[in-house]
Amino acid sequence: MAPESSAGAALESQRQPTPRADDGELATALAFLDFARACLLKKVEGLDEEQLRRRLVVSETTLLGLVQHCAAGERWWFAHHVGGDPAYADVDFSMVVPPERSAAEVVADYRAAVEEADRYIAAAGSPETLTVVPVDGERKTLRWVLAHKTSELARHVGHADILREQVDGVTGR
């Protein structure tokens, strides 16, 4: 369990400050996206296979499942929509991780998906760049994709934060 304060509330043992980057629209957007990505990875640090696969809610959401799902999201939004890569036109957003896929594989795949996404973001270059593949029939700006993906990822990190607290009492962003 996490240490407790004198008032009895769990102390945040994984807290880190939010980004302070403010040197341009793209740099700021990327700083917050990277912050959310790092927070997701922090939620799975130090846990074993059983803890990462433990189902603690009615849905099939697990910590490891969230990481797998978020890897698919990186590829769907950045490789497919921003970059136009047809290889990711039909990704699997499942939260159910097959038993033969190890936690290390899932985390490594997420890291690879992030690296790949960053290459597509860099290639796009400007927040004004339009997606190659339309979103609901309309091409969106990289700005929109970054805002959407960051908010979606932050929501999933919130889920992961709750699951991690249920697993071992660790809290914080």
Protein backbone atom coordinates (compact mmCIF):
# COMPACT_ATOMS: atom_id res chain seq x y z
CA MET A 1 0.00 0.00 0.00
CA ALA A 2 1.01 3.62 -0.52
CA PRO A 3 2.21 5.64 2.46
CA GLU A 4 -0.45 7.64 4.23
CA SER A 5 -0.50 11.22 5.38
CA SER A 6 -1.53 12.20 8.90
CA ALA A 7 -5.08 12.68 7.64
CA GLY A 8 -5.16 9.04 6.45
CA ALA A 9 -5.21 9.75 2.71
CA ALA A 10 -2.74 7.90 0.48
CA LEU A 11 0.22 10.01 -0.59
CA GLU A 12 0.95 10.28 -4.27
CA SER A 13 4.01 8.15 -4.85
CA GLN A 14 4.14 8.57 -8.64
CA ARG A 15 3.58 12.30 -8.92
CA GLN A 16 5.50 14.31 -11.47
CA PRO A 17 4.90 17.90 -12.56
CA THR A 18 2.93 18.71 -15.67
CA PRO A 19 4.93 20.09 -18.60
CA ARG A 20 5.94 23.72 -18.52
CA ALA A 21 6.72 23.87 -22.26
CA ASP A 22 5.24 26.97 -23.84
CA ASP A 23 7.54 27.66 -26.79
CA GLY A 24 5.08 27.24 -29.60
CA GLU A 25 1.92 25.41 -30.42
CA LEU A 26 3.45 22.17 -31.65
CA ALA A 27 6.08 21.95 -28.90
CA THR A 28 3.45 22.53 -26.22
CA ALA A 29 1.04 19.99 -27.71
CA LEU A 30 3.81 17.38 -27.97
CA ALA A 31 4.95 18.03 -24.39
CA PHE A 32 1.46 17.25 -23.07
CA LEU A 33 1.08 14.20 -25.32
CA ASP A 34 4.46 12.89 -24.14
CA PHE A 35 3.48 13.58 -20.53
CA ALA A 36 0.32 11.47 -20.91
CA ARG A 37 2.32 8.70 -22.61
CA ALA A 38 4.87 8.68 -19.77
CA CYS A 39 2.07 8.60 -17.19
CA LEU A 40 0.58 5.51 -18.84
CA LEU A 41 3.92 3.71 -18.74
CA LYS A 42 4.44 4.75 -15.13
CA LYS A 43 1.16 3.04 -14.18
CA VAL A 44 2.53 -0.35 -15.25
CA GLU A 45 6.04 -0.02 -13.80
CA GLY A 46 7.03 -2.57 -11.18
CA LEU A 47 4.00 -4.83 -11.58
CA ASP A 48 4.11 -8.52 -12.47
CA GLU A 49 2.14 -10.32 -15.18
CA GLU A 50 -0.70 -11.26 -12.85
CA GLN A 51 -1.11 -7.72 -11.55
CA LEU A 52 -1.04 -6.24 -15.04
CA ARG A 53 -3.67 -8.70 -16.28
CA ARG A 54 -5.87 -8.49 -13.19
CA ARG A 55 -9.46 -7.60 -14.04
CA LEU A 56 -10.79 -5.25 -11.36
CA VAL A 57 -13.82 -3.76 -13.11
CA VAL A 58 -16.87 -5.20 -14.82
CA SER A 59 -15.51 -4.42 -18.28
CA GLU A 60 -12.51 -6.30 -19.66
CA THR A 61 -10.23 -3.34 -18.92
CA THR A 62 -6.89 -4.21 -17.35
CA LEU A 63 -3.69 -2.22 -17.00
CA LEU A 64 -2.03 -4.29 -19.71
CA GLY A 65 -5.12 -4.06 -21.89
CA LEU A 66 -5.02 -0.28 -21.66
CA VAL A 67 -1.43 -0.25 -22.89
CA GLN A 68 -2.32 -2.54 -25.81
CA HIS A 69 -5.36 -0.40 -26.65
CA CYS A 70 -3.31 2.81 -26.54
CA ALA A 71 -0.69 1.35 -28.88
CA ALA A 72 -3.47 0.74 -31.39
CA GLY A 73 -4.64 4.32 -30.91
CA GLU A 74 -1.16 5.71 -31.64
CA ARG A 75 -1.06 3.77 -34.89
CA TRP A 76 -4.64 4.52 -35.89
CA TRP A 77 -4.40 8.27 -35.41
CA PHE A 78 -0.83 9.05 -36.36
CA ALA A 79 0.26 6.36 -38.82
CA HIS A 80 -3.12 5.86 -40.50
CA HIS A 81 -4.84 9.25 -40.38
CA VAL A 82 -1.88 11.64 -40.27
CA GLY A 83 0.53 9.55 -42.34
CA GLY A 84 -1.87 7.68 -44.59
CA ASP A 85 -0.28 4.29 -43.85
CA PRO A 86 -2.75 1.64 -45.05
CA ALA A 87 -1.16 -0.99 -42.77
CA TYR A 88 -3.07 0.58 -39.86
CA ALA A 89 -6.44 1.10 -41.51
CA ASP A 90 -7.91 -1.74 -39.47
CA VAL A 91 -6.22 -1.92 -36.06
CA ASP A 92 -7.54 -4.00 -33.17
CA PHE A 93 -8.51 -1.75 -30.25
CA SER A 94 -9.19 -4.70 -27.94
CA MET A 95 -8.36 -4.46 -24.25
CA VAL A 96 -8.04 -8.24 -24.02
CA VAL A 97 -4.41 -9.29 -24.18
CA PRO A 98 -3.94 -12.88 -25.36
CA PRO A 99 -2.26 -15.06 -22.72
CA GLU A 100 0.64 -15.89 -25.04
CA ARG A 101 1.52 -12.19 -25.38
CA SER A 102 3.79 -11.17 -22.51
CA ALA A 103 3.58 -7.89 -20.64
CA ALA A 104 7.08 -7.04 -21.85
CA GLU A 105 5.93 -7.51 -25.46
CA VAL A 106 2.88 -5.28 -24.95
CA VAL A 107 4.92 -2.50 -23.34
CA ALA A 108 7.64 -2.75 -25.99
CA ASP A 109 4.97 -2.59 -28.70
CA TYR A 110 3.51 0.55 -27.10
CA ARG A 111 6.94 2.17 -27.03
CA ALA A 112 7.44 1.24 -30.70
CA ALA A 113 4.02 2.64 -31.61
CA VAL A 114 4.91 5.92 -29.89
CA GLU A 115 8.24 6.14 -31.74
CA GLU A 116 6.47 5.47 -35.03
CA ALA A 117 3.77 8.04 -34.23
CA ASP A 118 6.43 10.63 -33.45
CA ARG A 119 7.98 10.08 -36.88
CA TYR A 120 4.61 10.76 -38.54
CA ILE A 121 4.10 13.86 -36.40
CA ALA A 122 7.57 15.14 -37.31
CA ALA A 123 6.93 14.45 -41.00
CA ALA A 124 3.67 16.39 -40.84
CA GLY A 125 5.67 19.28 -39.41
CA SER A 126 2.97 21.84 -38.75
CA PRO A 127 -0.20 21.90 -36.65
CA GLU A 128 -1.93 23.12 -39.82
CA THR A 129 -1.07 19.98 -41.81
CA LEU A 130 -4.22 18.09 -42.77
CA THR A 131 -4.66 14.37 -42.23
CA VAL A 132 -4.09 12.21 -45.28
CA VAL A 133 -7.03 10.00 -44.33
CA PRO A 134 -10.22 11.88 -43.48
CA VAL A 135 -11.85 11.58 -40.05
CA ASP A 136 -15.59 11.02 -40.44
CA GLY A 137 -15.35 12.21 -44.04
CA GLU A 138 -13.37 15.37 -43.27
CA ARG A 139 -9.63 15.99 -43.25
CA LYS A 140 -8.57 17.33 -39.86
CA THR A 141 -5.48 19.26 -38.84
CA LEU A 142 -2.59 17.71 -36.96
CA ARG A 143 -3.60 20.18 -34.23
CA TRP A 144 -6.99 18.46 -33.95
CA VAL A 145 -5.46 14.96 -33.93
CA LEU A 146 -2.96 15.95 -31.22
CA ALA A 147 -5.69 17.48 -29.05
CA HIS A 148 -8.00 14.51 -29.57
CA LYS A 149 -5.33 11.89 -28.96
CA THR A 150 -3.97 13.66 -25.88
CA SER A 151 -7.44 13.95 -24.32
CA GLU A 152 -8.23 10.34 -25.16
CA LEU A 153 -4.93 9.14 -23.72
CA ALA A 154 -5.37 11.26 -20.57
CA ARG A 155 -8.76 9.62 -20.02
CA HIS A 156 -7.19 6.18 -20.30
CA VAL A 157 -4.39 7.20 -17.94
CA GLY A 158 -7.10 8.11 -15.44
CA HIS A 159 -8.50 4.61 -15.80
CA ALA A 160 -5.01 3.19 -15.32
CA ASP A 161 -4.49 5.35 -12.24
CA ILE A 162 -7.59 3.89 -10.61
CA LEU A 163 -6.66 0.32 -11.56
CA ARG A 164 -3.11 0.78 -10.25
CA GLU A 165 -4.44 2.11 -6.96
CA GLN A 166 -6.66 -0.97 -6.69
CA VAL A 167 -3.72 -3.30 -7.41
CA ASP A 168 -1.21 -1.97 -4.90
CA GLY A 169 -2.29 1.44 -3.57
CA VAL A 170 0.15 3.43 -5.71
CA THR A 171 -1.27 6.77 -6.80
CA GLY A 172 -0.24 9.92 -8.64
CA ARG A 173 0.23 11.10 -12.18
